[in-house]
Amino acid sequence: MEQEIFIKKLGKRITKVREDKKLTQSELARLMKLPRQNIYRLETGTVNPKAHTIYELARVMKVDVGELMKV
């Protein structure tokens, strides 16, 4: 249960950072070379992202991994 809550909070954090960077889900997906649906799933907390995915999100959005992990 705690893991599900963390993943949902992480998704909300990814959304906030993306919006702060003025990126749409489609733009972020293009930069990540992923389908837009994958970004949607990350942001809604329906998937548990791998460490590599979190690293790539941070790199593409030009923030520290710690910034994404502030939940």
C-alpha atoms as a PDB file:
ATOM      1  CA  MET A   1       0.000   0.000   0.000  1.00  0.00           C
ATOM      2  CA  GLU A   2       2.758   2.472   0.881  1.00  0.00           C
ATOM      3  CA  GLN A   3       4.449   1.729  -2.442  1.00  0.00           C
ATOM      4  CA  GLU A   4       1.256   2.604  -4.320  1.00  0.00           C
ATOM      5  CA  ILE A   5       1.002   5.916  -2.478  1.00  0.00           C
ATOM      6  CA  PHE A   6       4.642   6.708  -3.236  1.00  0.00           C
ATOM      7  CA  ILE A   7       4.173   5.914  -6.948  1.00  0.00           C
ATOM      8  CA  LYS A   8       1.083   8.171  -7.120  1.00  0.00           C
ATOM      9  CA  LYS A   9       2.985  11.010  -5.415  1.00  0.00           C
ATOM     10  CA  LEU A  10       5.931  10.499  -7.737  1.00  0.00           C
ATOM     11  CA  GLY A  11       3.574  10.739 -10.699  1.00  0.00           C
ATOM     12  CA  LYS A  12       2.172  14.027  -9.418  1.00  0.00           C
ATOM     13  CA  ARG A  13       5.720  15.316  -8.965  1.00  0.00           C
ATOM     14  CA  ILE A  14       6.640  14.348 -12.532  1.00  0.00           C
ATOM     15  CA  THR A  15       3.544  16.209 -13.755  1.00  0.00           C
ATOM     16  CA  LYS A  16       4.437  19.325 -11.763  1.00  0.00           C
ATOM     17  CA  VAL A  17       8.016  19.423 -13.022  1.00  0.00           C
ATOM     18  CA  ARG A  18       6.861  18.818 -16.611  1.00  0.00           C
ATOM     19  CA  GLU A  19       4.324  21.637 -16.367  1.00  0.00           C
ATOM     20  CA  ASP A  20       6.888  23.954 -14.737  1.00  0.00           C
ATOM     21  CA  LYS A  21       9.110  23.272 -17.745  1.00  0.00           C
ATOM     22  CA  LYS A  22       6.188  24.174 -20.047  1.00  0.00           C
ATOM     23  CA  LEU A  23       6.192  20.737 -21.677  1.00  0.00           C
ATOM     24  CA  THR A  24       3.168  18.771 -22.810  1.00  0.00           C
ATOM     25  CA  GLN A  25       2.965  15.028 -22.309  1.00  0.00           C
ATOM     26  CA  SER A  26       3.474  14.641 -26.057  1.00  0.00           C
ATOM     27  CA  GLU A  27       6.588  16.819 -26.056  1.00  0.00           C
ATOM     28  CA  LEU A  28       8.074  14.955 -23.104  1.00  0.00           C
ATOM     29  CA  ALA A  29       7.270  11.630 -24.756  1.00  0.00           C
ATOM     30  CA  ARG A  30       9.019  12.742 -27.944  1.00  0.00           C
ATOM     31  CA  LEU A  31      12.118  13.808 -26.003  1.00  0.00           C
ATOM     32  CA  MET A  32      12.105  10.495 -24.122  1.00  0.00           C
ATOM     33  CA  LYS A  33      11.398   8.504 -27.299  1.00  0.00           C
ATOM     34  CA  LEU A  34       8.377   6.912 -25.636  1.00  0.00           C
ATOM     35  CA  PRO A  35       4.696   6.763 -26.533  1.00  0.00           C
ATOM     36  CA  ARG A  36       2.646   9.534 -24.899  1.00  0.00           C
ATOM     37  CA  GLN A  37       0.624   6.852 -23.101  1.00  0.00           C
ATOM     38  CA  ASN A  38       3.760   5.879 -21.166  1.00  0.00           C
ATOM     39  CA  ILE A  39       4.090   9.433 -19.839  1.00  0.00           C
ATOM     40  CA  TYR A  40       0.397   9.380 -18.902  1.00  0.00           C
ATOM     41  CA  ARG A  41       0.901   6.099 -17.010  1.00  0.00           C
ATOM     42  CA  LEU A  42       3.927   7.506 -15.176  1.00  0.00           C
ATOM     43  CA  GLU A  43       2.073  10.665 -14.193  1.00  0.00           C
ATOM     44  CA  THR A  44      -1.042   8.843 -13.016  1.00  0.00           C
ATOM     45  CA  GLY A  45       0.962   6.343 -11.000  1.00  0.00           C
ATOM     46  CA  THR A  46      -0.335   3.311 -12.853  1.00  0.00           C
ATOM     47  CA  VAL A  47       3.196   2.003 -13.456  1.00  0.00           C
ATOM     48  CA  ASN A  48       6.197   1.710 -11.179  1.00  0.00           C
ATOM     49  CA  PRO A  49       9.017   3.452 -13.086  1.00  0.00           C
ATOM     50  CA  LYS A  50      12.432   1.868 -13.244  1.00  0.00           C
ATOM     51  CA  ALA A  51      15.395   3.832 -11.914  1.00  0.00           C
ATOM     52  CA  HIS A  52      16.632   4.339 -15.480  1.00  0.00           C
ATOM     53  CA  THR A  53      13.309   5.932 -16.462  1.00  0.00           C
ATOM     54  CA  ILE A  54      13.480   8.363 -13.533  1.00  0.00           C
ATOM     55  CA  TYR A  55      17.059   9.218 -14.486  1.00  0.00           C
ATOM     56  CA  GLU A  56      16.062   9.843 -18.116  1.00  0.00           C
ATOM     57  CA  LEU A  57      13.085  11.990 -17.073  1.00  0.00           C
ATOM     58  CA  ALA A  58      15.394  14.126 -14.940  1.00  0.00           C
ATOM     59  CA  ARG A  59      17.967  14.394 -17.713  1.00  0.00           C
ATOM     60  CA  VAL A  60      15.439  15.357 -20.385  1.00  0.00           C
ATOM     61  CA  MET A  61      13.708  17.911 -18.121  1.00  0.00           C
ATOM     62  CA  LYS A  62      17.109  19.216 -16.923  1.00  0.00           C
ATOM     63  CA  VAL A  63      16.509  18.694 -13.211  1.00  0.00           C
ATOM     64  CA  ASP A  64      18.278  16.625 -10.579  1.00  0.00           C
ATOM     65  CA  VAL A  65      16.872  13.182  -9.869  1.00  0.00           C
ATOM     66  CA  GLY A  66      16.360  14.409  -6.311  1.00  0.00           C
ATOM     67  CA  GLU A  67      14.020  17.092  -7.630  1.00  0.00           C
ATOM     68  CA  LEU A  68      11.751  14.423  -9.094  1.00  0.00           C
ATOM     69  CA  MET A  69      11.954  12.295  -5.963  1.00  0.00           C
ATOM     70  CA  LYS A  70      10.736  15.071  -3.627  1.00  0.00           C
ATOM     71  CA  VAL A  71       7.433  13.465  -2.766  1.00  0.00           C
END
